[in-house]
Amino acid sequence: MYRLSKMRFGFPIGLFLMLFLDGSISQVFSVHLFNTPSVMVSHLVVLWLVCGVLFEETMPMPLAKWAIAAGIVFDLYYTGIFGVYVFVFPLVVYVTRVIVKYISPNFLSGLLIYFIDITIVEALSFVASRVVHMTAMSGSAFLVNTLGPTLALNLAMFVVLYFPIRAVYNWLK
């Protein structure tokens, strides 16, 4: 069924659109997003992957493969540490699928799942940055200055973009 649908081409196009939109938002609003000491990181790729799991219902998609591909591009293009997001994006897909088994997907449960996924993404990228000595930020400073503002930004983007993304997914099916 997936092979015959518009989702076969629409999902990867949307994923890479979100990938480059992340970078564009970071560039255009860098004065506001990366204002010292607070940092807000846009994670539209994670939003697209989470929505992919939430909306896949009867049409299973190869989300892990697309998450790995997006992770490779994200690592090479944005972070400079190869391997962090190649691991994190498929982990987000896996965790979301496990949670969706126990919670029926709707707007509020999707918001909760997205909250958990953003926390995982940011925490693992922080740990990776600490391991390779790219940051000297303490854990408490990370929680207050990075994780909190990033969660606020991304949850606001989830609230704004959930229904338009659902409409795109329904159109692609």
Protein backbone atom coordinates (compact mmCIF):
# COMPACT_ATOMS: atom_id res chain seq x y z
CA MET A 1 0.00 0.00 0.00
CA TYR A 2 2.84 2.41 0.86
CA ARG A 3 4.47 1.72 -2.53
CA LEU A 4 1.33 2.83 -4.37
CA SER A 5 0.58 6.00 -2.42
CA LYS A 6 1.73 9.59 -2.79
CA MET A 7 3.28 9.15 0.67
CA ARG A 8 6.18 7.32 -0.95
CA PHE A 9 7.44 10.59 -2.39
CA GLY A 10 5.67 13.07 -0.15
CA PHE A 11 7.17 11.90 3.13
CA PRO A 12 10.84 12.25 2.12
CA ILE A 13 10.17 15.58 0.43
CA GLY A 14 8.48 16.86 3.59
CA LEU A 15 11.29 15.45 5.75
CA PHE A 16 14.03 17.21 3.83
CA LEU A 17 11.93 20.36 3.60
CA MET A 18 11.71 20.33 7.39
CA LEU A 19 15.44 19.62 7.57
CA PHE A 20 16.30 22.71 5.59
CA LEU A 21 13.56 24.76 7.24
CA ASP A 22 15.23 24.01 10.58
CA GLY A 23 18.43 25.56 9.33
CA SER A 24 16.63 28.52 7.79
CA ILE A 25 14.76 29.27 11.00
CA SER A 26 18.00 29.04 12.94
CA GLN A 27 19.74 31.40 10.51
CA VAL A 28 16.97 33.98 10.16
CA PHE A 29 16.06 34.13 13.85
CA SER A 30 19.54 33.48 15.25
CA VAL A 31 19.55 36.75 17.20
CA HIS A 32 16.45 35.65 19.09
CA LEU A 33 17.02 31.90 19.30
CA PHE A 34 20.66 31.92 20.35
CA ASN A 35 20.62 34.86 22.73
CA THR A 36 23.10 34.24 25.55
CA PRO A 37 22.56 32.52 27.98
CA SER A 38 19.34 31.00 26.63
CA VAL A 39 19.34 28.84 23.51
CA MET A 40 16.27 27.63 21.63
CA VAL A 41 16.81 24.93 19.02
CA SER A 42 14.20 24.23 16.36
CA HIS A 43 13.50 20.53 15.77
CA LEU A 44 11.07 20.40 12.85
CA VAL A 45 12.66 17.17 11.61
CA VAL A 46 11.69 15.49 14.87
CA LEU A 47 8.19 16.95 14.50
CA TRP A 48 7.85 15.46 11.01
CA LEU A 49 9.11 12.05 12.21
CA VAL A 50 6.82 12.02 15.24
CA CYS A 51 3.85 13.01 13.09
CA GLY A 52 4.84 10.23 10.69
CA VAL A 53 4.46 7.71 13.50
CA LEU A 54 1.26 9.32 14.81
CA PHE A 55 -0.41 9.40 11.39
CA GLU A 56 0.86 6.16 9.82
CA GLU A 57 -2.12 4.14 11.20
CA THR A 58 -2.90 1.55 8.50
CA MET A 59 0.02 2.33 6.17
CA PRO A 60 3.35 1.41 7.78
CA MET A 61 6.20 3.51 6.45
CA PRO A 62 9.97 2.90 6.53
CA LEU A 63 10.46 5.74 9.01
CA ALA A 64 13.66 4.34 10.52
CA LYS A 65 15.40 4.39 7.13
CA TRP A 66 14.31 7.96 6.49
CA ALA A 67 15.33 8.92 10.04
CA ILE A 68 18.82 7.54 9.43
CA ALA A 69 19.08 9.42 6.13
CA ALA A 70 17.91 12.65 7.78
CA GLY A 71 20.36 12.02 10.64
CA ILE A 72 23.26 11.66 8.22
CA VAL A 73 22.38 14.91 6.44
CA PHE A 74 21.76 16.69 9.76
CA ASP A 75 25.08 15.52 11.19
CA LEU A 76 27.12 16.40 8.12
CA TYR A 77 25.41 19.71 7.44
CA TYR A 78 24.65 21.14 10.89
CA THR A 79 26.53 19.56 13.79
CA GLY A 80 29.96 18.46 12.61
CA ILE A 81 29.82 15.40 14.90
CA PHE A 82 28.97 12.44 12.71
CA GLY A 83 26.86 9.84 14.44
CA VAL A 84 24.80 11.77 16.97
CA TYR A 85 21.62 12.36 15.00
CA VAL A 86 22.12 9.21 12.92
CA PHE A 87 21.48 7.43 16.21
CA VAL A 88 19.03 9.88 17.79
CA PHE A 89 16.46 10.23 14.98
CA PRO A 90 15.82 6.45 14.64
CA LEU A 91 15.70 6.25 18.45
CA VAL A 92 12.98 8.90 18.42
CA VAL A 93 11.00 6.86 15.88
CA TYR A 94 11.41 3.73 18.00
CA VAL A 95 10.43 5.43 21.27
CA THR A 96 7.41 7.05 19.61
CA ARG A 97 6.25 3.73 18.18
CA VAL A 98 6.56 2.07 21.59
CA ILE A 99 4.58 4.85 23.28
CA VAL A 100 1.89 4.82 20.54
CA LYS A 101 1.28 1.13 21.31
CA TYR A 102 0.05 2.14 24.77
CA ILE A 103 -1.47 5.57 24.11
CA SER A 104 -3.91 6.25 21.29
CA PRO A 105 -2.55 9.04 19.08
CA ASN A 106 -4.40 12.34 19.24
CA PHE A 107 -3.40 15.98 19.67
CA LEU A 108 -2.74 15.89 23.44
CA SER A 109 -0.97 12.54 23.48
CA GLY A 110 1.06 13.70 20.48
CA LEU A 111 2.08 16.78 22.45
CA LEU A 112 3.21 14.57 25.35
CA ILE A 113 5.09 12.23 23.01
CA TYR A 114 6.76 15.18 21.28
CA PHE A 115 7.77 16.57 24.70
CA ILE A 116 9.45 13.26 25.54
CA ASP A 117 11.14 13.03 22.15
CA ILE A 118 12.53 16.58 22.25
CA THR A 119 13.86 15.89 25.74
CA ILE A 120 15.59 12.74 24.46
CA VAL A 121 17.05 14.55 21.42
CA GLU A 122 18.39 17.47 23.42
CA ALA A 123 19.71 15.34 26.29
CA LEU A 124 21.56 12.95 24.00
CA SER A 125 23.03 15.75 21.91
CA PHE A 126 24.15 17.47 25.12
CA VAL A 127 25.77 14.27 26.39
CA ALA A 128 27.52 13.78 23.02
CA SER A 129 28.77 17.36 23.11
CA ARG A 130 30.09 16.83 26.61
CA VAL A 131 31.84 13.60 25.62
CA VAL A 132 33.73 15.23 22.73
CA HIS A 133 34.37 18.40 24.76
CA MET A 134 32.36 20.72 22.52
CA THR A 135 30.66 22.22 25.56
CA ALA A 136 31.60 22.86 29.15
CA MET A 137 28.04 23.68 30.23
CA SER A 138 26.88 22.06 33.46
CA GLY A 139 23.83 19.84 33.55
CA SER A 140 21.79 22.35 35.54
CA ALA A 141 22.69 25.16 33.14
CA PHE A 142 21.67 22.91 30.25
CA LEU A 143 18.28 22.25 31.84
CA VAL A 144 17.56 25.92 32.47
CA ASN A 145 19.22 27.63 29.51
CA THR A 146 18.77 25.10 26.70
CA LEU A 147 16.24 22.37 27.44
CA GLY A 148 13.52 24.60 28.88
CA PRO A 149 13.52 27.22 26.09
CA THR A 150 13.89 24.52 23.42
CA LEU A 151 10.89 22.65 24.79
CA ALA A 152 8.85 25.85 24.88
CA LEU A 153 9.69 26.71 21.26
CA ASN A 154 9.11 23.22 19.91
CA LEU A 155 5.88 22.62 21.80
CA ALA A 156 4.58 25.94 20.47
CA MET A 157 5.56 24.85 16.94
CA PHE A 158 3.79 21.52 17.53
CA VAL A 159 0.59 23.32 18.54
CA VAL A 160 0.75 25.55 15.46
CA LEU A 161 1.81 22.89 12.93
CA TYR A 162 -0.01 19.73 14.11
CA PHE A 163 -3.23 20.27 12.15
CA PRO A 164 -1.57 21.50 8.92
CA ILE A 165 0.81 18.52 9.00
CA ARG A 166 -2.13 16.18 9.63
CA ALA A 167 -3.87 17.70 6.60
CA VAL A 168 -0.74 17.09 4.48
CA TYR A 169 -0.53 13.47 5.67
CA ASN A 170 -4.22 12.91 4.93
CA TRP A 171 -3.77 14.42 1.45
CA LEU A 172 -0.74 12.19 0.79
CA LYS A 173 -2.61 9.01 1.76
